[in-house]
């Protein structure tokens, strides 16, 4: 009887679908949920940026100024060196 109980306990803890495997799957699931949430947050930010670029010229102008160093006509550019 003790051998039978030992075999069943071994299967419960170490076998297919055992407690160890379930805990491993739960940890992996939590990791995947975090990755999905980060991706959704990033996608929402990119979607908002796309809408902003489509609807107005302010975002385009801001990008041109910061990324390309462009200025408008009749504007004076001052560079302060510290």
PDB file of N, CA and C in Angstrom:
ATOM      1  N   UNK A   1       0.816  -1.192   0.000  1.00  0.00           N
ATOM      2  CA  UNK A   1       0.000   0.000   0.000  1.00  0.00           C
ATOM      3  C   UNK A   1       0.870   1.269   0.000  1.00  0.00           C
ATOM      4  N   UNK A   2       1.949   1.258   0.760  1.00  0.00           N
ATOM      5  CA  UNK A   2       2.835   2.412   0.828  1.00  0.00           C
ATOM      6  C   UNK A   2       3.501   2.667  -0.525  1.00  0.00           C
ATOM      7  N   UNK A   3       3.862   1.608  -1.233  1.00  0.00           N
ATOM      8  CA  UNK A   3       4.479   1.748  -2.546  1.00  0.00           C
ATOM      9  C   UNK A   3       3.487   2.384  -3.514  1.00  0.00           C
ATOM     10  N   UNK A   4       2.230   1.978  -3.459  1.00  0.00           N
ATOM     11  CA  UNK A   4       1.208   2.543  -4.324  1.00  0.00           C
ATOM     12  C   UNK A   4       1.012   4.026  -4.036  1.00  0.00           C
ATOM     13  N   UNK A   5       0.963   4.389  -2.793  1.00  0.00           N
ATOM     14  CA  UNK A   5       0.825   5.804  -2.414  1.00  0.00           C
ATOM     15  C   UNK A   5       2.046   6.599  -2.872  1.00  0.00           C
ATOM     16  N   UNK A   6       3.227   6.042  -2.730  1.00  0.00           N
ATOM     17  CA  UNK A   6       4.451   6.720  -3.166  1.00  0.00           C
ATOM     18  C   UNK A   6       4.427   6.940  -4.677  1.00  0.00           C
ATOM     19  N   UNK A   7       3.994   5.944  -5.437  1.00  0.00           N
ATOM     20  CA  UNK A   7       3.913   6.093  -6.890  1.00  0.00           C
ATOM     21  C   UNK A   7       2.902   7.160  -7.284  1.00  0.00           C
ATOM     22  N   UNK A   8       1.775   7.192  -6.629  1.00  0.00           N
ATOM     23  CA  UNK A   8       0.756   8.198  -6.922  1.00  0.00           C
ATOM     24  C   UNK A   8       1.252   9.599  -6.558  1.00  0.00           C
ATOM     25  N   UNK A   9       1.933   9.716  -5.431  1.00  0.00           N
ATOM     26  CA  UNK A   9       2.490  11.014  -5.032  1.00  0.00           C
ATOM     27  C   UNK A   9       3.543  11.481  -6.029  1.00  0.00           C
ATOM     28  N   UNK A  10       4.373  10.563  -6.489  1.00  0.00           N
ATOM     29  CA  UNK A  10       5.394  10.909  -7.474  1.00  0.00           C
ATOM     30  C   UNK A  10       4.737  11.415  -8.754  1.00  0.00           C
ATOM     31  N   UNK A  11       3.675  10.758  -9.194  1.00  0.00           N
ATOM     32  CA  UNK A  11       2.984  11.190 -10.404  1.00  0.00           C
ATOM     33  C   UNK A  11       2.318  12.546 -10.184  1.00  0.00           C
ATOM     34  N   UNK A  12       1.767  12.746  -8.994  1.00  0.00           N
ATOM     35  CA  UNK A  12       1.115  14.018  -8.688  1.00  0.00           C
ATOM     36  C   UNK A  12       2.106  15.172  -8.755  1.00  0.00           C
ATOM     37  N   UNK A  13       3.297  15.003  -8.223  1.00  0.00           N
ATOM     38  CA  UNK A  13       4.270  16.092  -8.161  1.00  0.00           C
ATOM     39  C   UNK A  13       5.132  16.209  -9.414  1.00  0.00           C
ATOM     40  N   UNK A  14       5.460  15.099 -10.047  1.00  0.00           N
ATOM     41  CA  UNK A  14       6.440  15.126 -11.134  1.00  0.00           C
ATOM     42  C   UNK A  14       5.906  14.673 -12.486  1.00  0.00           C
ATOM     43  N   UNK A  15       4.745  14.083 -12.556  1.00  0.00           N
ATOM     44  CA  UNK A  15       4.239  13.518 -13.801  1.00  0.00           C
ATOM     45  C   UNK A  15       3.640  14.568 -14.727  1.00  0.00           C
ATOM     46  N   UNK A  16       3.131  14.108 -15.876  1.00  0.00           N
ATOM     47  CA  UNK A  16       2.459  14.981 -16.833  1.00  0.00           C
ATOM     48  C   UNK A  16       1.239  15.605 -16.166  1.00  0.00           C
ATOM     49  N   UNK A  17       1.138  16.897 -16.252  1.00  0.00           N
ATOM     50  CA  UNK A  17       0.013  17.589 -15.636  1.00  0.00           C
ATOM     51  C   UNK A  17       0.123  17.658 -14.128  1.00  0.00           C
ATOM     52  N   UNK A  18       1.307  17.410 -13.616  1.00  0.00           N
ATOM     53  CA  UNK A  18       1.516  17.454 -12.176  1.00  0.00           C
ATOM     54  C   UNK A  18       1.632  18.887 -11.675  1.00  0.00           C
ATOM     55  N   UNK A  19       1.751  19.005 -10.391  1.00  0.00           N
ATOM     56  CA  UNK A  19       1.790  20.317  -9.754  1.00  0.00           C
ATOM     57  C   UNK A  19       2.976  21.148 -10.234  1.00  0.00           C
ATOM     58  N   UNK A  20       4.123  20.530 -10.403  1.00  0.00           N
ATOM     59  CA  UNK A  20       5.301  21.253 -10.889  1.00  0.00           C
ATOM     60  C   UNK A  20       5.087  21.829 -12.275  1.00  0.00           C
ATOM     61  N   UNK A  21       4.487  21.060 -13.139  1.00  0.00           N
ATOM     62  CA  UNK A  21       4.234  21.522 -14.500  1.00  0.00           C
ATOM     63  C   UNK A  21       3.173  22.624 -14.506  1.00  0.00           C
ATOM     64  N   UNK A  22       2.171  22.497 -13.678  1.00  0.00           N
ATOM     65  CA  UNK A  22       1.135  23.529 -13.592  1.00  0.00           C
ATOM     66  C   UNK A  22       1.730  24.843 -13.110  1.00  0.00           C
ATOM     67  N   UNK A  23       2.591  24.799 -12.106  1.00  0.00           N
ATOM     68  CA  UNK A  23       3.234  26.015 -11.605  1.00  0.00           C
ATOM     69  C   UNK A  23       4.107  26.655 -12.682  1.00  0.00           C
ATOM     70  N   UNK A  24       4.804  25.824 -13.441  1.00  0.00           N
ATOM     71  CA  UNK A  24       5.638  26.336 -14.526  1.00  0.00           C
ATOM     72  C   UNK A  24       4.782  27.027 -15.590  1.00  0.00           C
ATOM     73  N   UNK A  25       3.655  26.416 -15.931  1.00  0.00           N
ATOM     74  CA  UNK A  25       2.744  27.010 -16.915  1.00  0.00           C
ATOM     75  C   UNK A  25       2.145  28.318 -16.403  1.00  0.00           C
ATOM     76  N   UNK A  26       1.816  28.371 -15.118  1.00  0.00           N
ATOM     77  CA  UNK A  26       1.265  29.609 -14.558  1.00  0.00           C
ATOM     78  C   UNK A  26       2.290  30.735 -14.604  1.00  0.00           C
ATOM     79  N   UNK A  27       3.543  30.426 -14.303  1.00  0.00           N
ATOM     80  CA  UNK A  27       4.597  31.442 -14.375  1.00  0.00           C
ATOM     81  C   UNK A  27       4.782  31.929 -15.808  1.00  0.00           C
ATOM     82  N   UNK A  28       4.765  31.013 -16.753  1.00  0.00           N
ATOM     83  CA  UNK A  28       4.905  31.385 -18.165  1.00  0.00           C
ATOM     84  C   UNK A  28       3.718  32.229 -18.625  1.00  0.00           C
ATOM     85  N   UNK A  29       2.525  31.894 -18.149  1.00  0.00           N
ATOM     86  CA  UNK A  29       1.327  32.650 -18.489  1.00  0.00           C
ATOM     87  C   UNK A  29       1.420  34.083 -17.980  1.00  0.00           C
ATOM     88  N   UNK A  30       1.908  34.267 -16.767  1.00  0.00           N
ATOM     89  CA  UNK A  30       2.071  35.616 -16.206  1.00  0.00           C
ATOM     90  C   UNK A  30       3.072  36.425 -17.025  1.00  0.00           C
ATOM     91  N   UNK A  31       4.163  35.780 -17.426  1.00  0.00           N
ATOM     92  CA  UNK A  31       5.163  36.455 -18.247  1.00  0.00           C
ATOM     93  C   UNK A  31       4.560  36.887 -19.580  1.00  0.00           C
ATOM     94  N   UNK A  32       3.794  36.003 -20.194  1.00  0.00           N
ATOM     95  CA  UNK A  32       3.168  36.323 -21.473  1.00  0.00           C
ATOM     96  C   UNK A  32       2.131  37.434 -21.324  1.00  0.00           C
ATOM     97  N   UNK A  33       1.387  37.432 -20.229  1.00  0.00           N
ATOM     98  CA  UNK A  33       0.408  38.500 -19.984  1.00  0.00           C
ATOM     99  C   UNK A  33       1.103  39.852 -19.874  1.00  0.00           C
ATOM    100  N   UNK A  34       2.246  39.894 -19.191  1.00  0.00           N
ATOM    101  CA  UNK A  34       3.001  41.143 -19.075  1.00  0.00           C
ATOM    102  C   UNK A  34       3.501  41.604 -20.434  1.00  0.00           C
ATOM    103  N   UNK A  35       4.006  40.682 -21.243  1.00  0.00           N
ATOM    104  CA  UNK A  35       4.488  41.036 -22.580  1.00  0.00           C
ATOM    105  C   UNK A  35       3.351  41.568 -23.449  1.00  0.00           C
ATOM    106  N   UNK A  36       2.182  40.944 -23.353  1.00  0.00           N
ATOM    107  CA  UNK A  36       1.029  41.393 -24.130  1.00  0.00           C
ATOM    108  C   UNK A  36       0.613  42.790 -23.694  1.00  0.00           C
ATOM    109  N   UNK A  37       0.594  43.042 -22.383  1.00  0.00           N
ATOM    110  CA  UNK A  37       0.206  44.362 -21.888  1.00  0.00           C
ATOM    111  C   UNK A  37       1.186  45.435 -22.357  1.00  0.00           C
ATOM    112  N   UNK A  38       2.482  45.134 -22.321  1.00  0.00           N
ATOM    113  CA  UNK A  38       3.483  46.081 -22.801  1.00  0.00           C
ATOM    114  C   UNK A  38       3.297  46.359 -24.295  1.00  0.00           C
ATOM    115  N   UNK A  39       3.007  45.320 -25.059  1.00  0.00           N
ATOM    116  CA  UNK A  39       2.787  45.500 -26.496  1.00  0.00           C
ATOM    117  C   UNK A  39       1.527  46.319 -26.761  1.00  0.00           C
ATOM    118  N   UNK A  40       0.477  46.085 -25.993  1.00  0.00           N
ATOM    119  CA  UNK A  40      -0.753  46.852 -26.164  1.00  0.00           C
ATOM    120  C   UNK A  40      -0.534  48.321 -25.825  1.00  0.00           C
ATOM    121  N   UNK A  41       0.213  48.584 -24.766  1.00  0.00           N
ATOM    122  CA  UNK A  41       0.515  49.971 -24.398  1.00  0.00           C
ATOM    123  C   UNK A  41       1.316  50.661 -25.491  1.00  0.00           C
ATOM    124  N   UNK A  42       2.307  49.953 -26.016  1.00  0.00           N
ATOM    125  CA  UNK A  42       3.136  50.512 -27.088  1.00  0.00           C
ATOM    126  C   UNK A  42       2.296  50.771 -28.337  1.00  0.00           C
ATOM    127  N   UNK A  43       1.439  49.823 -28.678  1.00  0.00           N
ATOM    128  CA  UNK A  43       0.583  49.986 -29.851  1.00  0.00           C
ATOM    129  C   UNK A  43      -0.378  51.150 -29.691  1.00  0.00           C
ATOM    130  N   UNK A  44      -0.917  51.331 -28.485  1.00  0.00           N
ATOM    131  CA  UNK A  44      -1.831  52.450 -28.246  1.00  0.00           C
ATOM    132  C   UNK A  44      -1.106  53.778 -28.427  1.00  0.00           C
ATOM    133  N   UNK A  45       0.132  53.859 -27.951  1.00  0.00           N
ATOM    134  CA  UNK A  45       0.919  55.076 -28.124  1.00  0.00           C
ATOM    135  C   UNK A  45       1.210  55.355 -29.591  1.00  0.00           C
ATOM    136  N   UNK A  46       1.567  54.314 -30.328  1.00  0.00           N
ATOM    137  CA  UNK A  46       1.838  54.486 -31.756  1.00  0.00           C
ATOM    138  C   UNK A  46       0.573  54.870 -32.521  1.00  0.00           C
ATOM    139  N   UNK A  47      -0.560  54.286 -32.138  1.00  0.00           N
ATOM    140  CA  UNK A  47      -1.817  54.610 -32.796  1.00  0.00           C
ATOM    141  C   UNK A  47      -2.179  56.080 -32.560  1.00  0.00           C
ATOM    142  N   UNK A  48      -1.982  56.537 -31.322  1.00  0.00           N
ATOM    143  CA  UNK A  48      -2.261  57.947 -31.016  1.00  0.00           C
ATOM    144  C   UNK A  48      -1.347  58.865 -31.818  1.00  0.00           C
ATOM    145  N   UNK A  49      -0.089  58.468 -31.970  1.00  0.00           N
ATOM    146  CA  UNK A  49       0.846  59.278 -32.750  1.00  0.00           C
ATOM    147  C   UNK A  49       0.447  59.324 -34.227  1.00  0.00           C
ATOM    148  N   UNK A  50      -0.002  58.200 -34.760  1.00  0.00           N
ATOM    149  CA  UNK A  50      -0.443  58.162 -36.158  1.00  0.00           C
ATOM    150  C   UNK A  50      -1.656  59.070 -36.354  1.00  0.00           C
ATOM    151  N   UNK A  51      -2.616  59.000 -35.432  1.00  0.00           N
ATOM    152  CA  UNK A  51      -3.788  59.876 -35.533  1.00  0.00           C
ATOM    153  C   UNK A  51      -3.393  61.339 -35.474  1.00  0.00           C
ATOM    154  N   UNK A  52      -2.453  61.660 -34.603  1.00  0.00           N
ATOM    155  CA  UNK A  52      -1.975  63.031 -34.472  1.00  0.00           C
ATOM    156  C   UNK A  52      -1.303  63.497 -35.758  1.00  0.00           C
ATOM    157  N   UNK A  53      -0.521  62.623 -36.369  1.00  0.00           N
ATOM    158  CA  UNK A  53       0.152  62.984 -37.623  1.00  0.00           C
ATOM    159  C   UNK A  53      -0.843  63.148 -38.768  1.00  0.00           C
ATOM    160  N   UNK A  54      -1.897  62.354 -38.762  1.00  0.00           N
ATOM    161  CA  UNK A  54      -2.897  62.438 -39.826  1.00  0.00           C
ATOM    162  C   UNK A  54      -3.765  63.692 -39.698  1.00  0.00           C
ATOM    163  N   UNK A  55      -4.071  64.090 -38.472  1.00  0.00           N
ATOM    164  CA  UNK A  55      -5.055  65.152 -38.257  1.00  0.00           C
ATOM    165  C   UNK A  55      -4.476  66.557 -38.234  1.00  0.00           C
ATOM    166  N   UNK A  56      -3.262  66.722 -37.853  1.00  0.00           N
ATOM    167  CA  UNK A  56      -2.752  68.072 -37.733  1.00  0.00           C
ATOM    168  C   UNK A  56      -1.344  68.216 -38.236  1.00  0.00           C
ATOM    169  N   UNK A  57      -0.968  69.462 -38.456  1.00  0.00           N
ATOM    170  CA  UNK A  57       0.379  69.732 -38.939  1.00  0.00           C
ATOM    171  C   UNK A  57       1.344  69.997 -37.790  1.00  0.00           C
ATOM    172  N   UNK A  58       0.808  70.188 -36.585  1.00  0.00           N
ATOM    173  CA  UNK A  58       1.682  70.494 -35.446  1.00  0.00           C
ATOM    174  C   UNK A  58       2.646  69.350 -35.149  1.00  0.00           C
ATOM    175  N   UNK A  59       2.162  68.125 -35.203  1.00  0.00           N
ATOM    176  CA  UNK A  59       3.030  66.982 -34.927  1.00  0.00           C
ATOM    177  C   UNK A  59       4.099  66.838 -36.002  1.00  0.00           C
ATOM    178  N   UNK A  60       3.713  67.068 -37.254  1.00  0.00           N
ATOM    179  CA  UNK A  60       4.676  66.980 -38.351  1.00  0.00           C
ATOM    180  C   UNK A  60       5.731  68.072 -38.201  1.00  0.00           C
ATOM    181  N   UNK A  61       5.271  69.267 -37.853  1.00  0.00           N
ATOM    182  CA  UNK A  61       6.199  70.386 -37.670  1.00  0.00           C
ATOM    183  C   UNK A  61       7.158  70.109 -36.513  1.00  0.00           C
ATOM    184  N   UNK A  62       6.628  69.559 -35.427  1.00  0.00           N
ATOM    185  CA  UNK A  62       7.473  69.258 -34.271  1.00  0.00           C
ATOM    186  C   UNK A  62       8.539  68.215 -34.623  1.00  0.00           C
ATOM    187  N   UNK A  63       8.141  67.179 -35.350  1.00  0.00           N
ATOM    188  CA  UNK A  63       9.115  66.171 -35.765  1.00  0.00           C
ATOM    189  C   UNK A  63      10.173  66.766 -36.688  1.00  0.00           C
ATOM    190  N   UNK A  64       9.757  67.599 -37.616  1.00  0.00           N
ATOM    191  CA  UNK A  64      10.705  68.216 -38.541  1.00  0.00           C
ATOM    192  C   UNK A  64      11.707  69.076 -37.782  1.00  0.00           C
ATOM    193  N   UNK A  65      11.237  69.786 -36.770  1.00  0.00           N
ATOM    194  CA  UNK A  65      12.132  70.636 -35.988  1.00  0.00           C
ATOM    195  C   UNK A  65      13.130  69.816 -35.174  1.00  0.00           C
ATOM    196  N   UNK A  66      12.630  68.812 -34.482  1.00  0.00           N
ATOM    197  CA  UNK A  66      13.498  68.052 -33.566  1.00  0.00           C
ATOM    198  C   UNK A  66      14.381  67.038 -34.281  1.00  0.00           C
ATOM    199  N   UNK A  67      13.830  66.329 -35.237  1.00  0.00           N
ATOM    200  CA  UNK A  67      14.591  65.255 -35.871  1.00  0.00           C
ATOM    201  C   UNK A  67      15.427  65.738 -37.049  1.00  0.00           C
ATOM    202  N   UNK A  68      14.929  66.748 -37.756  1.00  0.00           N
ATOM    203  CA  UNK A  68      15.634  67.189 -38.956  1.00  0.00           C
ATOM    204  C   UNK A  68      16.285  68.562 -38.795  1.00  0.00           C
ATOM    205  N   UNK A  69      16.001  69.245 -37.693  1.00  0.00           N
ATOM    206  CA  UNK A  69      16.601  70.552 -37.454  1.00  0.00           C
ATOM    207  C   UNK A  69      16.077  71.638 -38.375  1.00  0.00           C
ATOM    208  N   UNK A  70      14.854  71.503 -38.847  1.00  0.00           N
ATOM    209  CA  UNK A  70      14.292  72.474 -39.785  1.00  0.00           C
ATOM    210  C   UNK A  70      13.707  73.675 -39.039  1.00  0.00           C
ATOM    211  N   UNK A  71      13.667  74.807 -39.714  1.00  0.00           N
ATOM    212  CA  UNK A  71      13.041  76.016 -39.176  1.00  0.00           C
ATOM    213  C   UNK A  71      12.118  76.593 -40.242  1.00  0.00           C
ATOM    214  N   UNK A  72      11.176  77.425 -39.795  1.00  0.00           N
ATOM    215  CA  UNK A  72      10.235  78.052 -40.722  1.00  0.00           C
ATOM    216  C   UNK A  72      10.893  79.231 -41.426  1.00  0.00           C
ATOM    217  N   UNK A  73      10.230  79.675 -42.496  1.00  0.00           N
ATOM    218  CA  UNK A  73      10.699  80.880 -43.176  1.00  0.00           C
ATOM    219  C   UNK A  73      10.517  82.072 -42.240  1.00  0.00           C
ATOM    220  N   UNK A  74      11.424  83.023 -42.349  1.00  0.00           N
ATOM    221  CA  UNK A  74      11.399  84.256 -41.547  1.00  0.00           C
ATOM    222  C   UNK A  74      11.523  83.973 -40.053  1.00  0.00           C
ATOM    223  N   UNK A  75      12.083  82.848 -39.689  1.00  0.00           N
ATOM    224  CA  UNK A  75      12.351  82.525 -38.294  1.00  0.00           C
ATOM    225  C   UNK A  75      13.843  82.666 -38.056  1.00  0.00           C
ATOM    226  N   UNK A  76      14.210  83.065 -36.860  1.00  0.00           N
ATOM    227  CA  UNK A  76      15.622  83.173 -36.505  1.00  0.00           C
ATOM    228  C   UNK A  76      15.961  82.031 -35.566  1.00  0.00           C
ATOM    229  N   UNK A  77      17.039  81.352 -35.849  1.00  0.00           N
ATOM    230  CA  UNK A  77      17.467  80.212 -35.051  1.00  0.00           C
ATOM    231  C   UNK A  77      18.623  80.641 -34.151  1.00  0.00           C
ATOM    232  N   UNK A  78      18.487  80.379 -32.866  1.00  0.00           N
ATOM    233  CA  UNK A  78      19.541  80.679 -31.911  1.00  0.00           C
ATOM    234  C   UNK A  78      19.988  79.371 -31.286  1.00  0.00           C
ATOM    235  N   UNK A  79      21.278  79.146 -31.258  1.00  0.00           N
ATOM    236  CA  UNK A  79      21.822  77.968 -30.609  1.00  0.00           C
ATOM    237  C   UNK A  79      22.641  78.441 -29.428  1.00  0.00           C
ATOM    238  N   UNK A  80      22.283  77.953 -28.259  1.00  0.00           N
ATOM    239  CA  UNK A  80      22.968  78.356 -27.027  1.00  0.00           C
ATOM    240  C   UNK A  80      23.924  77.252 -26.643  1.00  0.00           C
ATOM    241  N   UNK A  81      25.198  77.584 -26.564  1.00  0.00           N
ATOM    242  CA  UNK A  81      26.227  76.630 -26.190  1.00  0.00           C
ATOM    243  C   UNK A  81      26.667  76.941 -24.769  1.00  0.00           C
ATOM    244  N   UNK A  82      26.577  75.931 -23.927  1.00  0.00           N
ATOM    245  CA  UNK A  82      26.947  76.143 -22.511  1.00  0.00           C
ATOM    246  C   UNK A  82      28.319  75.603 -22.229  1.00  0.00           C
TER     247      UNK A  82
END
